[in-house]
Amino acid sequence: MAIEWKGIFPAFTTKFTAADELDLPLFGKNLQAQIKAGIDGVILGGSLGEASVITTAEKETLTKYAVEQVAGKVPVVMNIAEGSTSEAIRQAKLAAAWGAKGLMLLPPMRYKSDERETAEYFKTIAASTELPVMIYNNPVDYKVEVTLDIFDQLQQYSNVQAVKESTRDVSNVTRMISRFGDRFSILCGVDTLAMEEMVLGANGWVGGLVCAFPEETVAVYKLTKAGRIAEALAIYRWFLPLLELDLHPKLVQYIKLAEQQAGLGSETVRAPRLKLVGAERERILKVIDTAIASRPTLPDYHSL
């Protein structure tokens, strides 16, 4: 399956049981709700998926299960966030063997690479695989910017096809399009900037709160791209207090709590993360439950 890098690609949370094992039935329940809502792809093992604390064996289980569950309806993309180039290449080979149809690549973890090193890292991995690749550009959280000059070097690799744009500078969408045209598909990676970036020409949205609210997320995308801006904006304004949960260091706990309240997950996380407690939990619950109580009636967006 070739990947059309547009639309909604949820960055899935990893579901755990109380015994700290993978909760595949709950993962499957969420996945089916996402497909019914009209998502366009599945991203596994990202930051929201608690990549730093899941094992390679668990990645294999999740990937194979997702591939089976989606049954060819949408592509499964595996995230690669490794400290060494050799391990990233190994993970890319494993992803292909497990049935993933694409990769999302972060810069090297734990080492702040300079521009030459960052470019070489991406080029080496891209050359090692036939899978389509989306580069994750998030200098705010990962301290490494994938510059326009790096993307210029990556143009020679036909499988480097997209960027998860998380610089938090909406102007970067215009910079990318002005320099490269449609060579790279642009997917917004910051929930609170998604509609703004799609209006500017971004092709889609790698979402976090979509894990709990898939229909509203897909509706915003479809309506925006159909030019029905006022309808999209009404949903987006309702959504914003929830979308802001994506910007916090505890986004995993916050979004998992939202999934639980929406009936699509649980708040169980893996240590060293801990479930929210006390005043913090009550504050986040209030944001979530207030939004659920005033959930908008959506227009028929599936036909757009």
C-alpha atoms as a PDB file:
ATOM      1  CA  MET A   1       0.000   0.000   0.000  1.00  0.00           C
ATOM      2  CA  ALA A   2       1.402   3.356  -1.072  1.00  0.00           C
ATOM      3  CA  ILE A   3       0.691   6.056   1.476  1.00  0.00           C
ATOM      4  CA  GLU A   4      -1.225   9.170   0.594  1.00  0.00           C
ATOM      5  CA  TRP A   5       0.069  11.482   3.290  1.00  0.00           C
ATOM      6  CA  LYS A   6      -3.052  13.530   3.861  1.00  0.00           C
ATOM      7  CA  GLY A   7      -5.971  13.585   6.254  1.00  0.00           C
ATOM      8  CA  ILE A   8      -5.991  12.443   9.866  1.00  0.00           C
ATOM      9  CA  PHE A   9      -3.237  10.225  11.264  1.00  0.00           C
ATOM     10  CA  PRO A  10      -3.796   9.575  14.993  1.00  0.00           C
ATOM     11  CA  ALA A  11      -0.677   9.212  17.129  1.00  0.00           C
ATOM     12  CA  PHE A  12      -2.054   6.255  19.062  1.00  0.00           C
ATOM     13  CA  THR A  13      -1.643   5.779  22.775  1.00  0.00           C
ATOM     14  CA  THR A  14      -0.461   2.373  23.940  1.00  0.00           C
ATOM     15  CA  LYS A  15      -3.103   0.698  26.070  1.00  0.00           C
ATOM     16  CA  PHE A  16      -1.983  -1.172  29.213  1.00  0.00           C
ATOM     17  CA  THR A  17      -3.803  -3.415  31.641  1.00  0.00           C
ATOM     18  CA  ALA A  18      -3.608  -2.997  35.416  1.00  0.00           C
ATOM     19  CA  ALA A  19      -0.961  -5.742  35.302  1.00  0.00           C
ATOM     20  CA  ASP A  20       1.195  -3.539  33.004  1.00  0.00           C
ATOM     21  CA  GLU A  21       0.677  -5.688  29.923  1.00  0.00           C
ATOM     22  CA  LEU A  22      -0.565  -4.606  26.511  1.00  0.00           C
ATOM     23  CA  ASP A  23      -4.349  -4.257  26.458  1.00  0.00           C
ATOM     24  CA  LEU A  24      -5.051  -5.341  22.896  1.00  0.00           C
ATOM     25  CA  PRO A  25      -8.866  -5.519  23.213  1.00  0.00           C
ATOM     26  CA  LEU A  26      -8.993  -1.895  24.386  1.00  0.00           C
ATOM     27  CA  PHE A  27      -6.521  -0.865  21.696  1.00  0.00           C
ATOM     28  CA  GLY A  28      -8.712  -2.609  19.134  1.00  0.00           C
ATOM     29  CA  LYS A  29     -11.851  -0.869  20.399  1.00  0.00           C
ATOM     30  CA  ASN A  30     -10.228   2.521  19.931  1.00  0.00           C
ATOM     31  CA  LEU A  31      -8.818   1.553  16.547  1.00  0.00           C
ATOM     32  CA  GLN A  32     -12.213   0.514  15.215  1.00  0.00           C
ATOM     33  CA  ALA A  33     -13.758   3.783  16.436  1.00  0.00           C
ATOM     34  CA  GLN A  34     -11.035   5.689  14.595  1.00  0.00           C
ATOM     35  CA  ILE A  35     -11.631   3.800  11.351  1.00  0.00           C
ATOM     36  CA  LYS A  36     -15.396   4.332  11.629  1.00  0.00           C
ATOM     37  CA  ALA A  37     -14.780   8.066  12.087  1.00  0.00           C
ATOM     38  CA  GLY A  38     -12.787   8.164   8.855  1.00  0.00           C
ATOM     39  CA  ILE A  39      -9.120   8.440   9.786  1.00  0.00           C
ATOM     40  CA  ASP A  40      -6.512   8.053   7.051  1.00  0.00           C
ATOM     41  CA  GLY A  41      -3.637   6.269   8.820  1.00  0.00           C
ATOM     42  CA  VAL A  42      -2.371   4.863  12.106  1.00  0.00           C
ATOM     43  CA  ILE A  43       0.872   5.907  13.837  1.00  0.00           C
ATOM     44  CA  LEU A  44       2.251   3.584  16.510  1.00  0.00           C
ATOM     45  CA  GLY A  45       5.047   3.957  19.021  1.00  0.00           C
ATOM     46  CA  GLY A  46       5.309   7.723  19.117  1.00  0.00           C
ATOM     47  CA  SER A  47       5.826   9.936  22.138  1.00  0.00           C
ATOM     48  CA  LEU A  48       2.117   9.700  22.912  1.00  0.00           C
ATOM     49  CA  GLY A  49       2.452   5.934  22.527  1.00  0.00           C
ATOM     50  CA  GLU A  50       5.011   5.883  25.368  1.00  0.00           C
ATOM     51  CA  ALA A  51       7.715   4.725  22.946  1.00  0.00           C
ATOM     52  CA  SER A  52      10.476   5.131  25.506  1.00  0.00           C
ATOM     53  CA  VAL A  53       9.006   2.429  27.759  1.00  0.00           C
ATOM     54  CA  ILE A  54       7.685  -0.171  25.330  1.00  0.00           C
ATOM     55  CA  THR A  55       9.865  -3.050  24.222  1.00  0.00           C
ATOM     56  CA  THR A  56      10.655  -4.154  20.695  1.00  0.00           C
ATOM     57  CA  ALA A  57       8.570  -7.268  21.303  1.00  0.00           C
ATOM     58  CA  GLU A  58       5.627  -5.082  22.306  1.00  0.00           C
ATOM     59  CA  LYS A  59       6.099  -2.945  19.192  1.00  0.00           C
ATOM     60  CA  GLU A  60       5.929  -6.124  17.140  1.00  0.00           C
ATOM     61  CA  THR A  61       2.723  -7.213  18.853  1.00  0.00           C
ATOM     62  CA  LEU A  62       1.098  -3.802  18.421  1.00  0.00           C
ATOM     63  CA  THR A  63       2.123  -3.449  14.788  1.00  0.00           C
ATOM     64  CA  LYS A  64       0.985  -6.915  13.740  1.00  0.00           C
ATOM     65  CA  TYR A  65      -2.284  -6.499  15.641  1.00  0.00           C
ATOM     66  CA  ALA A  66      -2.966  -3.112  14.065  1.00  0.00           C
ATOM     67  CA  VAL A  67      -2.176  -4.413  10.581  1.00  0.00           C
ATOM     68  CA  GLU A  68      -4.613  -7.262  11.131  1.00  0.00           C
ATOM     69  CA  GLN A  69      -7.321  -5.005  12.542  1.00  0.00           C
ATOM     70  CA  VAL A  70      -7.196  -2.323   9.835  1.00  0.00           C
ATOM     71  CA  ALA A  71      -7.378  -5.049   7.163  1.00  0.00           C
ATOM     72  CA  GLY A  72      -5.896  -2.820   4.488  1.00  0.00           C
ATOM     73  CA  LYS A  73      -8.325   0.069   5.044  1.00  0.00           C
ATOM     74  CA  VAL A  74      -5.588   2.494   6.167  1.00  0.00           C
ATOM     75  CA  PRO A  75      -1.785   2.283   6.409  1.00  0.00           C
ATOM     76  CA  VAL A  76      -0.014   1.486   9.665  1.00  0.00           C
ATOM     77  CA  VAL A  77       3.017   3.710  10.292  1.00  0.00           C
ATOM     78  CA  MET A  78       5.636   2.906  12.918  1.00  0.00           C
ATOM     79  CA  ASN A  79       7.578   5.631  14.706  1.00  0.00           C
ATOM     80  CA  ILE A  80      11.349   5.346  15.038  1.00  0.00           C
ATOM     81  CA  ALA A  81      12.968   7.230  17.920  1.00  0.00           C
ATOM     82  CA  GLU A  82      16.381   5.722  18.579  1.00  0.00           C
ATOM     83  CA  GLY A  83      19.716   6.827  19.939  1.00  0.00           C
ATOM     84  CA  SER A  84      21.859   5.233  17.248  1.00  0.00           C
ATOM     85  CA  THR A  85      21.667   5.092  13.474  1.00  0.00           C
ATOM     86  CA  SER A  86      22.265   1.337  13.447  1.00  0.00           C
ATOM     87  CA  GLU A  87      19.336   0.681  15.795  1.00  0.00           C
ATOM     88  CA  ALA A  88      17.093   2.969  13.761  1.00  0.00           C
ATOM     89  CA  ILE A  89      17.945   0.973  10.632  1.00  0.00           C
ATOM     90  CA  ARG A  90      17.197  -2.259  12.493  1.00  0.00           C
ATOM     91  CA  GLN A  91      13.840  -0.907  13.637  1.00  0.00           C
ATOM     92  CA  ALA A  92      12.988   0.120  10.062  1.00  0.00           C
ATOM     93  CA  LYS A  93      13.680  -3.406   8.835  1.00  0.00           C
ATOM     94  CA  LEU A  94      11.573  -4.871  11.624  1.00  0.00           C
ATOM     95  CA  ALA A  95       8.699  -2.498  10.849  1.00  0.00           C
ATOM     96  CA  ALA A  96       8.635  -3.681   7.246  1.00  0.00           C
ATOM     97  CA  ALA A  97       8.745  -7.321   8.344  1.00  0.00           C
ATOM     98  CA  TRP A  98       5.827  -6.771  10.727  1.00  0.00           C
ATOM     99  CA  GLY A  99       3.644  -5.286   7.988  1.00  0.00           C
ATOM    100  CA  ALA A 100       3.962  -1.546   8.608  1.00  0.00           C
ATOM    101  CA  LYS A 101       3.507   0.494   5.445  1.00  0.00           C
ATOM    102  CA  GLY A 102       5.471   3.561   6.500  1.00  0.00           C
ATOM    103  CA  LEU A 103       7.811   5.136   9.026  1.00  0.00           C
ATOM    104  CA  MET A 104       7.848   8.325  11.047  1.00  0.00           C
ATOM    105  CA  LEU A 105      11.420   9.344  11.872  1.00  0.00           C
ATOM    106  CA  LEU A 106      12.594  11.509  14.735  1.00  0.00           C
ATOM    107  CA  PRO A 107      16.122  12.948  14.894  1.00  0.00           C
ATOM    108  CA  PRO A 108      18.579  10.967  17.045  1.00  0.00           C
ATOM    109  CA  MET A 109      17.460  10.661  20.635  1.00  0.00           C
ATOM    110  CA  ARG A 110      19.632  11.759  23.584  1.00  0.00           C
ATOM    111  CA  TYR A 111      22.239  13.436  21.350  1.00  0.00           C
ATOM    112  CA  LYS A 112      21.648  16.903  19.918  1.00  0.00           C
ATOM    113  CA  SER A 113      22.923  16.417  16.392  1.00  0.00           C
ATOM    114  CA  ASP A 114      24.065  19.359  14.297  1.00  0.00           C
ATOM    115  CA  GLU A 115      22.682  20.028  10.823  1.00  0.00           C
ATOM    116  CA  ARG A 116      25.189  17.809   8.984  1.00  0.00           C
ATOM    117  CA  GLU A 117      24.652  14.936  11.411  1.00  0.00           C
ATOM    118  CA  THR A 118      20.871  15.271  11.306  1.00  0.00           C
ATOM    119  CA  ALA A 119      20.815  15.182   7.510  1.00  0.00           C
ATOM    120  CA  GLU A 120      23.138  12.178   7.407  1.00  0.00           C
ATOM    121  CA  TYR A 121      21.028  10.320   9.974  1.00  0.00           C
ATOM    122  CA  PHE A 122      17.847  10.731   7.944  1.00  0.00           C
ATOM    123  CA  LYS A 123      19.562   9.984   4.625  1.00  0.00           C
ATOM    124  CA  THR A 124      21.151   6.796   5.927  1.00  0.00           C
ATOM    125  CA  ILE A 125      17.859   5.438   7.263  1.00  0.00           C
ATOM    126  CA  ALA A 126      15.935   6.434   4.137  1.00  0.00           C
ATOM    127  CA  ALA A 127      18.491   4.644   1.975  1.00  0.00           C
ATOM    128  CA  SER A 128      18.134   1.479   4.071  1.00  0.00           C
ATOM    129  CA  THR A 129      14.391   0.976   3.496  1.00  0.00           C
ATOM    130  CA  GLU A 130      11.782   1.029   0.768  1.00  0.00           C
ATOM    131  CA  LEU A 131       9.078   2.169   3.188  1.00  0.00           C
ATOM    132  CA  PRO A 132       7.672   5.684   2.761  1.00  0.00           C
ATOM    133  CA  VAL A 133       9.009   8.087   5.376  1.00  0.00           C
ATOM    134  CA  MET A 134       7.568  11.057   7.248  1.00  0.00           C
ATOM    135  CA  ILE A 135      10.127  13.253   9.012  1.00  0.00           C
ATOM    136  CA  TYR A 136       9.103  14.518  12.447  1.00  0.00           C
ATOM    137  CA  ASN A 137      10.245  18.131  12.839  1.00  0.00           C
ATOM    138  CA  ASN A 138       9.830  19.143  16.489  1.00  0.00           C
ATOM    139  CA  PRO A 139      12.677  21.396  17.659  1.00  0.00           C
ATOM    140  CA  VAL A 140      10.679  22.550  20.691  1.00  0.00           C
ATOM    141  CA  ASP A 141      10.597  19.138  22.363  1.00  0.00           C
ATOM    142  CA  TYR A 142      13.572  17.399  20.741  1.00  0.00           C
ATOM    143  CA  LYS A 143      15.953  20.369  20.377  1.00  0.00           C
ATOM    144  CA  VAL A 144      16.890  19.531  16.781  1.00  0.00           C
ATOM    145  CA  GLU A 145      15.382  21.471  13.885  1.00  0.00           C
ATOM    146  CA  VAL A 146      15.033  19.865  10.492  1.00  0.00           C
ATOM    147  CA  THR A 147      15.827  22.934   8.439  1.00  0.00           C
ATOM    148  CA  LEU A 148      14.775  23.748   4.891  1.00  0.00           C
ATOM    149  CA  ASP A 149      18.342  23.028   3.807  1.00  0.00           C
ATOM    150  CA  ILE A 150      18.094  19.535   5.296  1.00  0.00           C
ATOM    151  CA  PHE A 151      14.833  18.934   3.449  1.00  0.00           C
ATOM    152  CA  ASP A 152      16.584  20.121   0.297  1.00  0.00           C
ATOM    153  CA  GLN A 153      19.122  17.308   0.743  1.00  0.00           C
ATOM    154  CA  LEU A 154      16.347  14.790   1.434  1.00  0.00           C
ATOM    155  CA  GLN A 155      14.625  15.522  -1.876  1.00  0.00           C
ATOM    156  CA  GLN A 156      16.843  12.976  -3.605  1.00  0.00           C
ATOM    157  CA  TYR A 157      15.243  10.166  -1.583  1.00  0.00           C
ATOM    158  CA  SER A 158      11.905   9.408  -3.195  1.00  0.00           C
ATOM    159  CA  ASN A 159      10.636   7.584  -0.120  1.00  0.00           C
ATOM    160  CA  VAL A 160      11.040  10.701   2.072  1.00  0.00           C
ATOM    161  CA  GLN A 161       7.598  12.033   1.352  1.00  0.00           C
ATOM    162  CA  ALA A 162       6.156  13.969   4.279  1.00  0.00           C
ATOM    163  CA  VAL A 163       6.811  16.022   7.379  1.00  0.00           C
ATOM    164  CA  LYS A 164       5.062  16.106  10.708  1.00  0.00           C
ATOM    165  CA  GLU A 165       5.278  19.868  11.171  1.00  0.00           C
ATOM    166  CA  SER A 166       5.658  20.606  14.883  1.00  0.00           C
ATOM    167  CA  THR A 167       7.896  23.671  14.915  1.00  0.00           C
ATOM    168  CA  ARG A 168       4.927  25.629  16.351  1.00  0.00           C
ATOM    169  CA  ASP A 169       5.587  28.289  13.722  1.00  0.00           C
ATOM    170  CA  VAL A 170       2.666  28.234  11.295  1.00  0.00           C
ATOM    171  CA  SER A 171       4.748  30.233   8.833  1.00  0.00           C
ATOM    172  CA  ASN A 172       6.875  27.148   8.289  1.00  0.00           C
ATOM    173  CA  VAL A 173       4.023  25.665   6.251  1.00  0.00           C
ATOM    174  CA  THR A 174       4.333  28.565   3.820  1.00  0.00           C
ATOM    175  CA  ARG A 175       8.130  28.319   3.811  1.00  0.00           C
ATOM    176  CA  MET A 176       7.985  24.630   2.911  1.00  0.00           C
ATOM    177  CA  ILE A 177       5.436  25.144   0.138  1.00  0.00           C
ATOM    178  CA  SER A 178       7.242  28.196  -1.249  1.00  0.00           C
ATOM    179  CA  ARG A 179      10.521  26.308  -1.495  1.00  0.00           C
ATOM    180  CA  PHE A 180       9.410  22.787  -2.367  1.00  0.00           C
ATOM    181  CA  GLY A 181       5.915  23.081  -3.811  1.00  0.00           C
ATOM    182  CA  ASP A 182       4.123  19.792  -3.256  1.00  0.00           C
ATOM    183  CA  ARG A 183       7.310  17.689  -3.002  1.00  0.00           C
ATOM    184  CA  PHE A 184       6.669  17.061   0.711  1.00  0.00           C
ATOM    185  CA  SER A 185       3.240  16.497   2.175  1.00  0.00           C
ATOM    186  CA  ILE A 186       2.790  18.567   5.339  1.00  0.00           C
ATOM    187  CA  LEU A 187       0.855  17.241   8.320  1.00  0.00           C
ATOM    188  CA  CYS A 188       0.390  19.489  11.333  1.00  0.00           C
ATOM    189  CA  GLY A 189       1.718  17.871  14.498  1.00  0.00           C
ATOM    190  CA  VAL A 190       0.468  20.415  17.044  1.00  0.00           C
ATOM    191  CA  ASP A 191      -3.204  20.040  17.910  1.00  0.00           C
ATOM    192  CA  THR A 192      -3.777  23.706  18.735  1.00  0.00           C
ATOM    193  CA  LEU A 193      -2.472  24.851  15.333  1.00  0.00           C
ATOM    194  CA  ALA A 194      -4.097  22.243  13.119  1.00  0.00           C
ATOM    195  CA  MET A 195      -6.884  24.245  11.522  1.00  0.00           C
ATOM    196  CA  GLU A 196      -4.632  27.268  11.032  1.00  0.00           C
ATOM    197  CA  GLU A 197      -1.995  25.167   9.250  1.00  0.00           C
ATOM    198  CA  MET A 198      -4.566  23.375   7.090  1.00  0.00           C
ATOM    199  CA  VAL A 199      -5.930  26.720   5.928  1.00  0.00           C
ATOM    200  CA  LEU A 200      -2.363  27.659   4.980  1.00  0.00           C
ATOM    201  CA  GLY A 201      -2.001  24.508   2.893  1.00  0.00           C
ATOM    202  CA  ALA A 202      -1.047  21.660   5.229  1.00  0.00           C
ATOM    203  CA  ASN A 203      -2.315  18.355   3.889  1.00  0.00           C
ATOM    204  CA  GLY A 204      -3.385  16.823   7.163  1.00  0.00           C
ATOM    205  CA  TRP A 205      -3.054  16.448  10.900  1.00  0.00           C
ATOM    206  CA  VAL A 206      -1.134  14.025  13.103  1.00  0.00           C
ATOM    207  CA  GLY A 207      -3.402  14.302  16.100  1.00  0.00           C
ATOM    208  CA  GLY A 208      -3.291  13.568  19.811  1.00  0.00           C
ATOM    209  CA  LEU A 209      -6.804  14.347  21.053  1.00  0.00           C
ATOM    210  CA  VAL A 210      -8.154  12.426  18.077  1.00  0.00           C
ATOM    211  CA  CYS A 211      -7.464   9.381  20.253  1.00  0.00           C
ATOM    212  CA  ALA A 212     -10.447  10.412  22.372  1.00  0.00           C
ATOM    213  CA  PHE A 213     -12.453  12.439  19.851  1.00  0.00           C
ATOM    214  CA  PRO A 214     -12.006  10.940  16.390  1.00  0.00           C
ATOM    215  CA  GLU A 215     -15.230  12.168  14.792  1.00  0.00           C
ATOM    216  CA  GLU A 216     -14.696  15.797  15.753  1.00  0.00           C
ATOM    217  CA  THR A 217     -11.105  15.680  14.505  1.00  0.00           C
ATOM    218  CA  VAL A 218     -11.981  14.215  11.128  1.00  0.00           C
ATOM    219  CA  ALA A 219     -14.894  16.652  10.801  1.00  0.00           C
ATOM    220  CA  VAL A 220     -12.617  19.664  11.329  1.00  0.00           C
ATOM    221  CA  TYR A 221     -10.237  18.363   8.657  1.00  0.00           C
ATOM    222  CA  LYS A 222     -12.940  17.517   6.107  1.00  0.00           C
ATOM    223  CA  LEU A 223     -14.883  20.741   6.591  1.00  0.00           C
ATOM    224  CA  THR A 224     -11.752  22.885   6.409  1.00  0.00           C
ATOM    225  CA  LYS A 225     -10.574  21.251   3.217  1.00  0.00           C
ATOM    226  CA  ALA A 226     -14.075  21.589   1.734  1.00  0.00           C
ATOM    227  CA  GLY A 227     -13.963  25.327   2.388  1.00  0.00           C
ATOM    228  CA  ARG A 228     -16.728  25.173   4.978  1.00  0.00           C
ATOM    229  CA  ILE A 229     -14.675  27.258   7.336  1.00  0.00           C
ATOM    230  CA  ALA A 230     -17.433  28.588   9.590  1.00  0.00           C
ATOM    231  CA  GLU A 231     -18.673  25.064  10.363  1.00  0.00           C
ATOM    232  CA  ALA A 232     -15.148  23.804  10.987  1.00  0.00           C
ATOM    233  CA  LEU A 233     -14.346  26.787  13.172  1.00  0.00           C
ATOM    234  CA  ALA A 234     -17.375  26.229  15.399  1.00  0.00           C
ATOM    235  CA  ILE A 235     -16.164  22.699  16.163  1.00  0.00           C
ATOM    236  CA  TYR A 236     -12.565  23.842  16.522  1.00  0.00           C
ATOM    237  CA  ARG A 237     -13.487  26.515  19.059  1.00  0.00           C
ATOM    238  CA  TRP A 238     -15.345  23.917  21.126  1.00  0.00           C
ATOM    239  CA  PHE A 239     -12.331  21.611  20.767  1.00  0.00           C
ATOM    240  CA  LEU A 240      -9.591  24.058  21.763  1.00  0.00           C
ATOM    241  CA  PRO A 241      -9.625  23.526  25.565  1.00  0.00           C
ATOM    242  CA  LEU A 242      -9.177  19.810  24.878  1.00  0.00           C
ATOM    243  CA  LEU A 243      -6.535  20.349  22.208  1.00  0.00           C
ATOM    244  CA  GLU A 244      -4.466  22.353  24.685  1.00  0.00           C
ATOM    245  CA  LEU A 245      -3.970  19.147  26.684  1.00  0.00           C
ATOM    246  CA  ASP A 246      -1.596  18.094  23.889  1.00  0.00           C
ATOM    247  CA  LEU A 247       0.910  20.835  24.789  1.00  0.00           C
ATOM    248  CA  HIS A 248       1.785  19.720  28.313  1.00  0.00           C
ATOM    249  CA  PRO A 249       4.680  17.421  29.373  1.00  0.00           C
ATOM    250  CA  LYS A 250       1.966  15.153  30.805  1.00  0.00           C
ATOM    251  CA  LEU A 251       0.124  14.939  27.487  1.00  0.00           C
ATOM    252  CA  VAL A 252       0.119  11.136  27.769  1.00  0.00           C
ATOM    253  CA  GLN A 253      -1.703  11.169  31.104  1.00  0.00           C
ATOM    254  CA  TYR A 254      -4.041  13.965  29.991  1.00  0.00           C
ATOM    255  CA  ILE A 255      -5.006  12.357  26.691  1.00  0.00           C
ATOM    256  CA  LYS A 256      -5.384   8.912  28.220  1.00  0.00           C
ATOM    257  CA  LEU A 257      -7.758  10.380  30.790  1.00  0.00           C
ATOM    258  CA  ALA A 258      -9.720  11.951  27.933  1.00  0.00           C
ATOM    259  CA  GLU A 259      -9.863   8.566  26.192  1.00  0.00           C
ATOM    260  CA  GLN A 260     -11.216   7.007  29.366  1.00  0.00           C
ATOM    261  CA  GLN A 261     -13.915   9.649  29.787  1.00  0.00           C
ATOM    262  CA  ALA A 262     -14.886   9.290  26.129  1.00  0.00           C
ATOM    263  CA  GLY A 263     -15.169   5.506  26.487  1.00  0.00           C
ATOM    264  CA  LEU A 264     -12.234   4.736  24.198  1.00  0.00           C
ATOM    265  CA  GLY A 265      -9.408   3.927  26.597  1.00  0.00           C
ATOM    266  CA  SER A 266      -8.119   3.979  30.136  1.00  0.00           C
ATOM    267  CA  GLU A 267      -5.902   6.284  32.162  1.00  0.00           C
ATOM    268  CA  THR A 268      -3.404   3.499  32.882  1.00  0.00           C
ATOM    269  CA  VAL A 269       0.166   4.516  32.046  1.00  0.00           C
ATOM    270  CA  ARG A 270       3.519   2.798  32.390  1.00  0.00           C
ATOM    271  CA  ALA A 271       6.064   3.845  35.017  1.00  0.00           C
ATOM    272  CA  PRO A 272       7.829   6.146  35.505  1.00  0.00           C
ATOM    273  CA  ARG A 273       4.645   7.934  34.458  1.00  0.00           C
ATOM    274  CA  LEU A 274       1.926   7.802  37.093  1.00  0.00           C
ATOM    275  CA  LYS A 275      -1.817   8.315  36.890  1.00  0.00           C
ATOM    276  CA  LEU A 276      -3.005  11.801  37.711  1.00  0.00           C
ATOM    277  CA  VAL A 277      -4.154  12.401  41.277  1.00  0.00           C
ATOM    278  CA  GLY A 278      -5.656  15.129  43.448  1.00  0.00           C
ATOM    279  CA  ALA A 279      -6.226  18.682  42.282  1.00  0.00           C
ATOM    280  CA  GLU A 280      -4.415  18.138  38.973  1.00  0.00           C
ATOM    281  CA  ARG A 281      -6.665  15.230  38.031  1.00  0.00           C
ATOM    282  CA  GLU A 282      -9.759  17.164  39.033  1.00  0.00           C
ATOM    283  CA  ARG A 283      -8.665  20.148  36.943  1.00  0.00           C
ATOM    284  CA  ILE A 284      -8.089  18.054  33.832  1.00  0.00           C
ATOM    285  CA  LEU A 285     -11.284  16.098  34.395  1.00  0.00           C
ATOM    286  CA  LYS A 286     -13.223  19.346  34.509  1.00  0.00           C
ATOM    287  CA  VAL A 287     -11.840  20.377  31.118  1.00  0.00           C
ATOM    288  CA  ILE A 288     -12.686  17.004  29.613  1.00  0.00           C
ATOM    289  CA  ASP A 289     -16.115  16.519  31.172  1.00  0.00           C
ATOM    290  CA  THR A 290     -17.184  20.088  30.409  1.00  0.00           C
ATOM    291  CA  ALA A 291     -16.341  19.522  26.756  1.00  0.00           C
ATOM    292  CA  ILE A 292     -18.126  16.164  26.631  1.00  0.00           C
ATOM    293  CA  ALA A 293     -21.237  17.728  28.153  1.00  0.00           C
ATOM    294  CA  SER A 294     -21.345  20.331  25.385  1.00  0.00           C
ATOM    295  CA  ARG A 295     -20.208  18.079  22.534  1.00  0.00           C
ATOM    296  CA  PRO A 296     -21.362  19.618  19.235  1.00  0.00           C
ATOM    297  CA  THR A 297     -23.725  17.994  16.767  1.00  0.00           C
ATOM    298  CA  LEU A 298     -21.628  17.277  13.690  1.00  0.00           C
ATOM    299  CA  PRO A 299     -22.737  17.797  10.113  1.00  0.00           C
ATOM    300  CA  ASP A 300     -22.498  14.881   7.682  1.00  0.00           C
ATOM    301  CA  TYR A 301     -18.789  15.161   6.986  1.00  0.00           C
ATOM    302  CA  HIS A 302     -18.245  11.621   5.633  1.00  0.00           C
ATOM    303  CA  SER A 303     -19.471  12.555   2.171  1.00  0.00           C
ATOM    304  CA  LEU A 304     -17.074  15.495   1.789  1.00  0.00           C
END
